[in-house]
PDB file of N, CA and C in Angstrom:
ATOM      1  N   MET A   1     -64.146-155.221-130.277  1.00  0.00           N
ATOM      2  CA  MET A   1     -63.013-155.855-130.869  1.00  0.00           C
ATOM      3  C   MET A   1     -62.595-157.019-130.004  1.00  0.00           C
ATOM      4  N   VAL A   2     -62.284-158.114-130.633  1.00  0.00           N
ATOM      5  CA  VAL A   2     -61.791-159.285-129.925  1.00  0.00           C
ATOM      6  C   VAL A   2     -60.311-159.420-130.239  1.00  0.00           C
ATOM      7  N   VAL A   3     -59.506-159.510-129.201  1.00  0.00           N
ATOM      8  CA  VAL A   3     -58.066-159.662-129.394  1.00  0.00           C
ATOM      9  C   VAL A   3     -57.608-160.920-128.670  1.00  0.00           C
ATOM     10  N   ALA A   4     -56.519-161.486-129.120  1.00  0.00           N
ATOM     11  CA  ALA A   4     -56.112-162.754-128.524  1.00  0.00           C
ATOM     12  C   ALA A   4     -54.637-163.017-128.688  1.00  0.00           C
ATOM     13  N   ARG A   5     -54.139-163.932-127.903  1.00  0.00           N
ATOM     14  CA  ARG A   5     -52.836-164.553-128.090  1.00  0.00           C
ATOM     15  C   ARG A   5     -53.037-166.046-128.329  1.00  0.00           C
ATOM     16  N   GLU A   6     -53.667-166.758-127.397  1.00  0.00           N
ATOM     17  CA  GLU A   6     -53.806-168.205-127.540  1.00  0.00           C
ATOM     18  C   GLU A   6     -55.183-168.716-127.135  1.00  0.00           C
ATOM     19  N   ARG A   7     -55.338-169.157-125.885  1.00  0.00           N
ATOM     20  CA  ARG A   7     -56.564-169.810-125.438  1.00  0.00           C
ATOM     21  C   ARG A   7     -57.696-168.820-125.193  1.00  0.00           C
ATOM     22  N   SER A   8     -58.870-169.343-124.924  1.00  0.00           N
ATOM     23  CA  SER A   8     -60.059-168.530-124.697  1.00  0.00           C
ATOM     24  C   SER A   8     -60.302-168.302-123.210  1.00  0.00           C
ATOM     25  N   LEU A   9     -60.639-167.077-122.833  1.00  0.00           N
ATOM     26  CA  LEU A   9     -61.039-166.778-121.462  1.00  0.00           C
ATOM     27  C   LEU A   9     -62.484-167.227-121.274  1.00  0.00           C
ATOM     28  N   GLY A  10     -62.841-167.661-120.098  1.00  0.00           N
ATOM     29  CA  GLY A  10     -64.192-168.125-119.828  1.00  0.00           C
ATOM     30  C   GLY A  10     -65.140-166.991-119.512  1.00  0.00           C
ATOM     31  N   TYR A  11     -66.410-167.243-119.689  1.00  0.00           N
ATOM     32  CA  TYR A  11     -67.447-166.271-119.382  1.00  0.00           C
ATOM     33  C   TYR A  11     -68.498-166.952-118.533  1.00  0.00           C
ATOM     34  N   LEU A  12     -69.261-166.170-117.804  1.00  0.00           N
ATOM     35  CA  LEU A  12     -70.288-166.718-116.934  1.00  0.00           C
ATOM     36  C   LEU A  12     -71.499-167.224-117.703  1.00  0.00           C
ATOM     37  N   SER A  13     -71.777-166.671-118.851  1.00  0.00           N
ATOM     38  CA  SER A  13     -72.966-167.065-119.598  1.00  0.00           C
ATOM     39  C   SER A  13     -72.615-167.312-121.055  1.00  0.00           C
ATOM     40  N   ARG A  14     -73.570-167.876-121.767  1.00  0.00           N
ATOM     41  CA  ARG A  14     -73.356-168.110-123.190  1.00  0.00           C
ATOM     42  C   ARG A  14     -73.346-166.782-123.931  1.00  0.00           C
ATOM     43  N   ARG A  15     -72.609-166.741-125.009  1.00  0.00           N
ATOM     44  CA  ARG A  15     -72.515-165.523-125.810  1.00  0.00           C
ATOM     45  C   ARG A  15     -73.175-165.763-127.163  1.00  0.00           C
ATOM     46  N   SER A  16     -73.819-164.748-127.672  1.00  0.00           N
ATOM     47  CA  SER A  16     -74.399-164.811-129.003  1.00  0.00           C
ATOM     48  C   SER A  16     -73.736-163.748-129.866  1.00  0.00           C
ATOM     49  N   ALA A  17     -73.539-164.077-131.111  1.00  0.00           N
ATOM     50  CA  ALA A  17     -72.957-163.123-132.053  1.00  0.00           C
ATOM     51  C   ALA A  17     -73.754-163.203-133.348  1.00  0.00           C
ATOM     52  N   THR A  18     -73.823-162.097-134.049  1.00  0.00           N
ATOM     53  CA  THR A  18     -74.547-162.094-135.313  1.00  0.00           C
ATOM     54  C   THR A  18     -73.710-161.435-136.392  1.00  0.00           C
ATOM     55  N   ARG A  19     -73.881-161.937-137.579  1.00  0.00           N
ATOM     56  CA  ARG A  19     -73.212-161.366-138.747  1.00  0.00           C
ATOM     57  C   ARG A  19     -74.088-161.692-139.941  1.00  0.00           C
ATOM     58  N   CYS A  20     -74.533-160.677-140.645  1.00  0.00           N
ATOM     59  CA  CYS A  20     -75.397-160.868-141.815  1.00  0.00           C
ATOM     60  C   CYS A  20     -76.633-161.688-141.450  1.00  0.00           C
ATOM     61  N   ALA A  21     -77.221-161.387-140.318  1.00  0.00           N
ATOM     62  CA  ALA A  21     -78.436-162.034-139.834  1.00  0.00           C
ATOM     63  C   ALA A  21     -78.251-163.525-139.571  1.00  0.00           C
ATOM     64  N   ILE A  22     -77.039-163.981-139.424  1.00  0.00           N
ATOM     65  CA  ILE A  22     -76.766-165.376-139.065  1.00  0.00           C
ATOM     66  C   ILE A  22     -76.342-165.383-137.599  1.00  0.00           C
ATOM     67  N   TRP A  23     -77.086-166.097-136.773  1.00  0.00           N
ATOM     68  CA  TRP A  23     -76.792-166.142-135.338  1.00  0.00           C
ATOM     69  C   TRP A  23     -76.010-167.394-135.011  1.00  0.00           C
ATOM     70  N   LYS A  24     -75.013-167.234-134.188  1.00  0.00           N
ATOM     71  CA  LYS A  24     -74.232-168.356-133.687  1.00  0.00           C
ATOM     72  C   LYS A  24     -74.271-168.294-132.170  1.00  0.00           C
ATOM     73  N   ARG A  25     -74.566-169.393-131.526  1.00  0.00           N
ATOM     74  CA  ARG A  25     -74.545-169.451-130.069  1.00  0.00           C
ATOM     75  C   ARG A  25     -73.413-170.407-129.693  1.00  0.00           C
ATOM     76  N   VAL A  26     -72.501-169.892-128.880  1.00  0.00           N
ATOM     77  CA  VAL A  26     -71.313-170.653-128.530  1.00  0.00           C
ATOM     78  C   VAL A  26     -71.170-170.671-127.016  1.00  0.00           C
ATOM     79  N   ARG A  27     -70.937-171.841-126.457  1.00  0.00           N
ATOM     80  CA  ARG A  27     -70.652-171.942-125.030  1.00  0.00           C
ATOM     81  C   ARG A  27     -69.140-171.945-124.882  1.00  0.00           C
ATOM     82  N   VAL A  28     -68.653-171.024-124.079  1.00  0.00           N
ATOM     83  CA  VAL A  28     -67.215-170.890-123.866  1.00  0.00           C
ATOM     84  C   VAL A  28     -66.910-171.335-122.445  1.00  0.00           C
ATOM     85  N   ASP A  29     -66.112-172.376-122.326  1.00  0.00           N
ATOM     86  CA  ASP A  29     -65.689-172.843-121.011  1.00  0.00           C
ATOM     87  C   ASP A  29     -64.287-172.324-120.746  1.00  0.00           C
ATOM     88  N   GLY A  30     -64.060-171.848-119.557  1.00  0.00           N
ATOM     89  CA  GLY A  30     -62.740-171.336-119.233  1.00  0.00           C
ATOM     90  C   GLY A  30     -62.511-171.296-117.745  1.00  0.00           C
ATOM     91  N   GLN A  31     -61.296-171.035-117.372  1.00  0.00           N
ATOM     92  CA  GLN A  31     -60.924-171.011-115.972  1.00  0.00           C
ATOM     93  C   GLN A  31     -60.754-169.602-115.437  1.00  0.00           C
ATOM     94  N   LEU A  32     -60.876-168.600-116.284  1.00  0.00           N
ATOM     95  CA  LEU A  32     -60.602-167.230-115.874  1.00  0.00           C
ATOM     96  C   LEU A  32     -61.731-166.318-116.314  1.00  0.00           C
ATOM     97  N   ILE A  33     -62.284-165.562-115.376  1.00  0.00           N
ATOM     98  CA  ILE A  33     -63.346-164.609-115.670  1.00  0.00           C
ATOM     99  C   ILE A  33     -62.920-163.268-115.091  1.00  0.00           C
ATOM    100  N   LEU A  34     -62.884-162.238-115.950  1.00  0.00           N
ATOM    101  CA  LEU A  34     -62.436-160.910-115.527  1.00  0.00           C
ATOM    102  C   LEU A  34     -63.468-159.861-115.926  1.00  0.00           C
ATOM    103  N   ASN A  35     -63.664-158.865-115.072  1.00  0.00           N
ATOM    104  CA  ASN A  35     -64.569-157.764-115.365  1.00  0.00           C
ATOM    105  C   ASN A  35     -63.832-156.472-115.678  1.00  0.00           C
ATOM    106  N   SER A  36     -62.630-156.333-115.203  1.00  0.00           N
ATOM    107  CA  SER A  36     -61.870-155.103-115.360  1.00  0.00           C
ATOM    108  C   SER A  36     -61.190-155.062-116.732  1.00  0.00           C
ATOM    109  N   LEU A  37     -61.326-153.957-117.429  1.00  0.00           N
ATOM    110  CA  LEU A  37     -60.719-153.809-118.754  1.00  0.00           C
ATOM    111  C   LEU A  37     -59.203-153.992-118.727  1.00  0.00           C
ATOM    112  N   PRO A  38     -58.465-153.333-117.828  1.00  0.00           N
ATOM    113  CA  PRO A  38     -57.012-153.544-117.808  1.00  0.00           C
ATOM    114  C   PRO A  38     -56.630-154.990-117.518  1.00  0.00           C
ATOM    115  N   GLN A  39     -57.381-155.667-116.662  1.00  0.00           N
ATOM    116  CA  GLN A  39     -57.088-157.070-116.376  1.00  0.00           C
ATOM    117  C   GLN A  39     -57.329-157.944-117.599  1.00  0.00           C
ATOM    118  N   ARG A  40     -58.396-157.680-118.343  1.00  0.00           N
ATOM    119  CA  ARG A  40     -58.674-158.464-119.558  1.00  0.00           C
ATOM    120  C   ARG A  40     -57.578-158.267-120.580  1.00  0.00           C
ATOM    121  N   ILE A  41     -57.116-157.019-120.747  1.00  0.00           N
ATOM    122  CA  ILE A  41     -56.046-156.744-121.714  1.00  0.00           C
ATOM    123  C   ILE A  41     -54.757-157.429-121.283  1.00  0.00           C
ATOM    124  N   ASP A  42     -54.402-157.324-120.006  1.00  0.00           N
ATOM    125  CA  ASP A  42     -53.187-157.980-119.502  1.00  0.00           C
ATOM    126  C   ASP A  42     -53.261-159.493-119.693  1.00  0.00           C
ATOM    127  N   ALA A  43     -54.414-160.077-119.419  1.00  0.00           N
ATOM    128  CA  ALA A  43     -54.568-161.528-119.574  1.00  0.00           C
ATOM    129  C   ALA A  43     -54.388-161.937-121.036  1.00  0.00           C
ATOM    130  N   ALA A  44     -54.973-161.182-121.958  1.00  0.00           N
ATOM    131  CA  ALA A  44     -54.815-161.499-123.378  1.00  0.00           C
ATOM    132  C   ALA A  44     -53.363-161.330-123.817  1.00  0.00           C
ATOM    133  N   GLU A  45     -52.692-160.285-123.357  1.00  0.00           N
ATOM    134  CA  GLU A  45     -51.293-160.064-123.714  1.00  0.00           C
ATOM    135  C   GLU A  45     -50.394-161.177-123.179  1.00  0.00           C
ATOM    136  N   ASN A  46     -50.784-161.789-122.071  1.00  0.00           N
ATOM    137  CA  ASN A  46     -49.996-162.871-121.482  1.00  0.00           C
ATOM    138  C   ASN A  46     -50.408-164.243-121.987  1.00  0.00           C
ATOM    139  N   GLY A  47     -51.229-164.272-123.040  1.00  0.00           N
ATOM    140  CA  GLY A  47     -51.575-165.535-123.666  1.00  0.00           C
ATOM    141  C   GLY A  47     -52.620-166.357-122.950  1.00  0.00           C
ATOM    142  N   LEU A  48     -53.412-165.736-122.087  1.00  0.00           N
ATOM    143  CA  LEU A  48     -54.420-166.481-121.342  1.00  0.00           C
ATOM    144  C   LEU A  48     -55.724-166.640-122.108  1.00  0.00           C
ATOM    145  N   GLY A  49     -55.905-165.942-123.214  1.00  0.00           N
ATOM    146  CA  GLY A  49     -57.115-166.151-123.997  1.00  0.00           C
ATOM    147  C   GLY A  49     -57.585-164.943-124.758  1.00  0.00           C
ATOM    148  N   LEU A  50     -58.862-164.961-125.119  1.00  0.00           N
ATOM    149  CA  LEU A  50     -59.507-163.890-125.867  1.00  0.00           C
ATOM    150  C   LEU A  50     -60.012-162.811-124.917  1.00  0.00           C
ATOM    151  N   ALA A  51     -60.062-161.589-125.405  1.00  0.00           N
ATOM    152  CA  ALA A  51     -60.630-160.490-124.628  1.00  0.00           C
ATOM    153  C   ALA A  51     -61.441-159.608-125.563  1.00  0.00           C
ATOM    154  N   TYR A  52     -62.683-159.347-125.199  1.00  0.00           N
ATOM    155  CA  TYR A  52     -63.551-158.465-125.976  1.00  0.00           C
ATOM    156  C   TYR A  52     -63.420-157.075-125.380  1.00  0.00           C
ATOM    157  N   VAL A  53     -62.726-156.174-126.085  1.00  0.00           N
ATOM    158  CA  VAL A  53     -62.394-154.860-125.532  1.00  0.00           C
ATOM    159  C   VAL A  53     -62.577-153.786-126.605  1.00  0.00           C
ATOM    160  N   PRO A  54     -62.757-152.521-126.198  1.00  0.00           N
ATOM    161  CA  PRO A  54     -62.815-151.431-127.167  1.00  0.00           C
ATOM    162  C   PRO A  54     -61.473-151.292-127.894  1.00  0.00           C
ATOM    163  N   GLU A  55     -61.542-151.079-129.182  1.00  0.00           N
ATOM    164  CA  GLU A  55     -60.330-151.010-130.003  1.00  0.00           C
ATOM    165  C   GLU A  55     -59.369-149.921-129.551  1.00  0.00           C
ATOM    166  N   ASP A  56     -59.903-148.766-129.157  1.00  0.00           N
ATOM    167  CA  ASP A  56     -59.011-147.668-128.782  1.00  0.00           C
ATOM    168  C   ASP A  56     -58.209-147.960-127.523  1.00  0.00           C
ATOM    169  N   SER A  57     -58.601-148.965-126.757  1.00  0.00           N
ATOM    170  CA  SER A  57     -57.855-149.308-125.547  1.00  0.00           C
ATOM    171  C   SER A  57     -56.672-150.232-125.816  1.00  0.00           C
ATOM    172  N   VAL A  58     -56.567-150.770-127.033  1.00  0.00           N
ATOM    173  CA  VAL A  58     -55.473-151.700-127.343  1.00  0.00           C
ATOM    174  C   VAL A  58     -54.721-151.337-128.626  1.00  0.00           C
ATOM    175  N   LEU A  59     -54.852-150.099-129.083  1.00  0.00           N
ATOM    176  CA  LEU A  59     -54.195-149.702-130.329  1.00  0.00           C
ATOM    177  C   LEU A  59     -52.679-149.899-130.278  1.00  0.00           C
ATOM    178  N   ASP A  60     -52.044-149.509-129.172  1.00  0.00           N
ATOM    179  CA  ASP A  60     -50.589-149.668-129.055  1.00  0.00           C
ATOM    180  C   ASP A  60     -50.200-151.142-129.066  1.00  0.00           C
ATOM    181  N   ALA A  61     -50.936-151.958-128.324  1.00  0.00           N
ATOM    182  CA  ALA A  61     -50.629-153.392-128.263  1.00  0.00           C
ATOM    183  C   ALA A  61     -50.802-154.042-129.632  1.00  0.00           C
ATOM    184  N   LEU A  62     -51.788-153.617-130.400  1.00  0.00           N
ATOM    185  CA  LEU A  62     -51.982-154.146-131.753  1.00  0.00           C
ATOM    186  C   LEU A  62     -50.840-153.717-132.674  1.00  0.00           C
ATOM    187  N   ALA A  63     -50.475-152.441-132.594  1.00  0.00           N
ATOM    188  CA  ALA A  63     -49.399-151.921-133.457  1.00  0.00           C
ATOM    189  C   ALA A  63     -48.059-152.584-133.152  1.00  0.00           C
ATOM    190  N   GLU A  64     -47.826-152.899-131.887  1.00  0.00           N
ATOM    191  CA  GLU A  64     -46.555-153.517-131.489  1.00  0.00           C
ATOM    192  C   GLU A  64     -46.573-155.033-131.613  1.00  0.00           C
ATOM    193  N   GLY A  65     -47.704-155.614-131.996  1.00  0.00           N
ATOM    194  CA  GLY A  65     -47.781-157.061-132.172  1.00  0.00           C
ATOM    195  C   GLY A  65     -47.979-157.855-130.895  1.00  0.00           C
ATOM    196  N   ARG A  66     -48.259-157.175-129.789  1.00  0.00           N
ATOM    197  CA  ARG A  66     -48.508-157.892-128.535  1.00  0.00           C
ATOM    198  C   ARG A  66     -49.869-158.574-128.558  1.00  0.00           C
ATOM    199  N   LEU A  67     -50.796-158.036-129.362  1.00  0.00           N
ATOM    200  CA  LEU A  67     -52.124-158.618-129.544  1.00  0.00           C
ATOM    201  C   LEU A  67     -52.443-158.670-131.031  1.00  0.00           C
ATOM    202  N   VAL A  68     -53.340-159.553-131.411  1.00  0.00           N
ATOM    203  CA  VAL A  68     -53.821-159.640-132.791  1.00  0.00           C
ATOM    204  C   VAL A  68     -55.341-159.640-132.776  1.00  0.00           C
ATOM    205  N   ARG A  69     -55.931-159.124-133.851  1.00  0.00           N
ATOM    206  CA  ARG A  69     -57.386-159.127-133.978  1.00  0.00           C
ATOM    207  C   ARG A  69     -57.846-160.519-134.392  1.00  0.00           C
ATOM    208  N   VAL A  70     -58.959-160.942-133.821  1.00  0.00           N
ATOM    209  CA  VAL A  70     -59.614-162.172-134.259  1.00  0.00           C
ATOM    210  C   VAL A  70     -61.100-161.883-134.408  1.00  0.00           C
ATOM    211  N   LEU A  71     -61.765-162.638-135.241  1.00  0.00           N
ATOM    212  CA  LEU A  71     -63.201-162.478-135.484  1.00  0.00           C
ATOM    213  C   LEU A  71     -63.566-161.057-135.877  1.00  0.00           C
ATOM    214  N   GLU A  72     -62.696-160.416-136.637  1.00  0.00           N
ATOM    215  CA  GLU A  72     -62.912-159.008-136.985  1.00  0.00           C
ATOM    216  C   GLU A  72     -64.200-158.790-137.775  1.00  0.00           C
ATOM    217  N   ALA A  73     -64.543-159.740-138.638  1.00  0.00           N
ATOM    218  CA  ALA A  73     -65.768-159.601-139.427  1.00  0.00           C
ATOM    219  C   ALA A  73     -67.020-159.657-138.560  1.00  0.00           C
ATOM    220  N   TRP A  74     -66.899-160.197-137.349  1.00  0.00           N
ATOM    221  CA  TRP A  74     -68.037-160.315-136.451  1.00  0.00           C
ATOM    222  C   TRP A  74     -68.148-159.146-135.490  1.00  0.00           C
ATOM    223  N   CYS A  75     -67.209-158.231-135.514  1.00  0.00           N
ATOM    224  CA  CYS A  75     -67.222-157.102-134.593  1.00  0.00           C
ATOM    225  C   CYS A  75     -67.903-155.905-135.247  1.00  0.00           C
ATOM    226  N   PRO A  76     -68.909-155.333-134.607  1.00  0.00           N
ATOM    227  CA  PRO A  76     -69.593-154.177-135.193  1.00  0.00           C
ATOM    228  C   PRO A  76     -68.693-152.945-135.197  1.00  0.00           C
ATOM    229  N   ALA A  77     -68.943-152.067-136.142  1.00  0.00           N
ATOM    230  CA  ALA A  77     -68.188-150.812-136.208  1.00  0.00           C
ATOM    231  C   ALA A  77     -68.551-149.939-135.007  1.00  0.00           C
ATOM    232  N   PHE A  78     -67.572-149.251-134.477  1.00  0.00           N
ATOM    233  CA  PHE A  78     -67.783-148.379-133.322  1.00  0.00           C
ATOM    234  C   PHE A  78     -68.153-146.993-133.816  1.00  0.00           C
ATOM    235  N   THR A  79     -69.324-146.525-133.429  1.00  0.00           N
ATOM    236  CA  THR A  79     -69.803-145.233-133.909  1.00  0.00           C
ATOM    237  C   THR A  79     -69.444-144.083-132.987  1.00  0.00           C
ATOM    238  N   GLY A  80     -68.813-144.367-131.881  1.00  0.00           N
ATOM    239  CA  GLY A  80     -68.411-143.322-130.950  1.00  0.00           C
ATOM    240  C   GLY A  80     -69.119-143.437-129.626  1.00  0.00           C
ATOM    241  N   TYR A  81     -68.627-142.683-128.675  1.00  0.00           N
ATOM    242  CA  TYR A  81     -69.218-142.680-127.339  1.00  0.00           C
ATOM    243  C   TYR A  81     -70.455-141.802-127.324  1.00  0.00           C
ATOM    244  N   HIS A  82     -71.367-142.105-126.431  1.00  0.00           N
ATOM    245  CA  HIS A  82     -72.593-141.326-126.274  1.00  0.00           C
ATOM    246  C   HIS A  82     -72.752-140.960-124.806  1.00  0.00           C
ATOM    247  N   LEU A  83     -73.273-139.778-124.567  1.00  0.00           N
ATOM    248  CA  LEU A  83     -73.504-139.318-123.202  1.00  0.00           C
ATOM    249  C   LEU A  83     -74.987-139.010-123.047  1.00  0.00           C
ATOM    250  N   PHE A  84     -75.612-139.654-122.085  1.00  0.00           N
ATOM    251  CA  PHE A  84     -77.006-139.393-121.765  1.00  0.00           C
ATOM    252  C   PHE A  84     -77.047-138.730-120.398  1.00  0.00           C
ATOM    253  N   TYR A  85     -77.790-137.644-120.310  1.00  0.00           N
ATOM    254  CA  TYR A  85     -77.858-136.919-119.049  1.00  0.00           C
ATOM    255  C   TYR A  85     -79.234-136.282-118.917  1.00  0.00           C
ATOM    256  N   PRO A  86     -79.656-135.984-117.704  1.00  0.00           N
ATOM    257  CA  PRO A  86     -80.970-135.385-117.510  1.00  0.00           C
ATOM    258  C   PRO A  86     -81.023-133.983-118.123  1.00  0.00           C
ATOM    259  N   SER A  87     -82.173-133.613-118.604  1.00  0.00           N
ATOM    260  CA  SER A  87     -82.325-132.317-119.267  1.00  0.00           C
ATOM    261  C   SER A  87     -82.758-131.231-118.299  1.00  0.00           C
ATOM    262  N   ARG A  88     -82.173-131.214-117.139  1.00  0.00           N
ATOM    263  CA  ARG A  88     -82.478-130.178-116.149  1.00  0.00           C
ATOM    264  C   ARG A  88     -81.908-128.843-116.609  1.00  0.00           C
ATOM    265  N   ARG A  89     -82.490-127.790-116.104  1.00  0.00           N
ATOM    266  CA  ARG A  89     -82.007-126.460-116.483  1.00  0.00           C
ATOM    267  C   ARG A  89     -80.700-126.112-115.793  1.00  0.00           C
ATOM    268  N   GLN A  90     -80.526-126.572-114.573  1.00  0.00           N
ATOM    269  CA  GLN A  90     -79.334-126.223-113.797  1.00  0.00           C
ATOM    270  C   GLN A  90     -78.409-127.427-113.662  1.00  0.00           C
ATOM    271  N   HIS A  91     -77.258-127.375-114.317  1.00  0.00           N
ATOM    272  CA  HIS A  91     -76.230-128.399-114.154  1.00  0.00           C
ATOM    273  C   HIS A  91     -75.108-127.798-113.309  1.00  0.00           C
ATOM    274  N   THR A  92     -74.346-128.662-112.675  1.00  0.00           N
ATOM    275  CA  THR A  92     -73.190-128.147-111.960  1.00  0.00           C
ATOM    276  C   THR A  92     -72.218-127.554-112.975  1.00  0.00           C
ATOM    277  N   THR A  93     -71.374-126.656-112.525  1.00  0.00           N
ATOM    278  CA  THR A  93     -70.399-126.024-113.419  1.00  0.00           C
ATOM    279  C   THR A  93     -69.489-127.064-114.052  1.00  0.00           C
ATOM    280  N   ALA A  94     -69.025-128.021-113.265  1.00  0.00           N
ATOM    281  CA  ALA A  94     -68.135-129.056-113.783  1.00  0.00           C
ATOM    282  C   ALA A  94     -68.823-129.881-114.869  1.00  0.00           C
ATOM    283  N   PHE A  95     -70.092-130.235-114.642  1.00  0.00           N
ATOM    284  CA  PHE A  95     -70.813-131.030-115.628  1.00  0.00           C
ATOM    285  C   PHE A  95     -71.073-130.224-116.899  1.00  0.00           C
ATOM    286  N   ALA A  96     -71.421-128.955-116.766  1.00  0.00           N
ATOM    287  CA  ALA A  96     -71.644-128.097-117.929  1.00  0.00           C
ATOM    288  C   ALA A  96     -70.363-127.954-118.750  1.00  0.00           C
ATOM    289  N   LEU A  97     -69.214-127.835-118.077  1.00  0.00           N
ATOM    290  CA  LEU A  97     -67.940-127.748-118.790  1.00  0.00           C
ATOM    291  C   LEU A  97     -67.610-129.054-119.510  1.00  0.00           C
ATOM    292  N   LEU A  98     -67.919-130.192-118.890  1.00  0.00           N
ATOM    293  CA  LEU A  98     -67.707-131.482-119.529  1.00  0.00           C
ATOM    294  C   LEU A  98     -68.545-131.595-120.804  1.00  0.00           C
ATOM    295  N   ILE A  99     -69.816-131.239-120.714  1.00  0.00           N
ATOM    296  CA  ILE A  99     -70.696-131.287-121.889  1.00  0.00           C
ATOM    297  C   ILE A  99     -70.168-130.397-122.993  1.00  0.00           C
ATOM    298  N   ALA A 100     -69.764-129.193-122.648  1.00  0.00           N
ATOM    299  CA  ALA A 100     -69.227-128.257-123.660  1.00  0.00           C
ATOM    300  C   ALA A 100     -67.961-128.820-124.305  1.00  0.00           C
ATOM    301  N   ALA A 101     -67.074-129.392-123.513  1.00  0.00           N
ATOM    302  CA  ALA A 101     -65.829-129.941-124.047  1.00  0.00           C
ATOM    303  C   ALA A 101     -66.119-131.127-124.976  1.00  0.00           C
ATOM    304  N   LEU A 102     -67.066-131.977-124.605  1.00  0.00           N
ATOM    305  CA  LEU A 102     -67.374-133.136-125.437  1.00  0.00           C
ATOM    306  C   LEU A 102     -68.069-132.736-126.729  1.00  0.00           C
ATOM    307  N   ARG A 103     -68.876-131.688-126.690  1.00  0.00           N
ATOM    308  CA  ARG A 103     -69.553-131.237-127.915  1.00  0.00           C
ATOM    309  C   ARG A 103     -68.564-130.697-128.940  1.00  0.00           C
ATOM    310  N   HIS A 104     -67.468-130.134-128.475  1.00  0.00           N
ATOM    311  CA  HIS A 104     -66.523-129.487-129.382  1.00  0.00           C
ATOM    312  C   HIS A 104     -65.287-130.328-129.667  1.00  0.00           C
ATOM    313  N   SER A 105     -65.313-131.582-129.280  1.00  0.00           N
ATOM    314  CA  SER A 105     -64.146-132.431-129.567  1.00  0.00           C
ATOM    315  C   SER A 105     -64.407-133.372-130.701  1.00  0.00           C
TER     316      SER A 105
END
């Protein structure tokens, strides 16, 4: 999901997006580059630009109008989180409990 207030945040490399097999390559120039999810959300809420973030991390901000969706048609649907782990016979108790909890949620 892409959310925004005003200007665009910069990225280190060019970004590609696809929709209906149409590719667009856009160079985004900016003065701010962030890797941390909370920092990207804070920057977007303060009007510093666009932030590409998981929708569930900004639901409250969207509902309260602090952020708005942009380029929604270009954002793929989120199918859920996935966990990949080694198929060893012996897992730690904590890891086995995590797997069990995630399977039943």
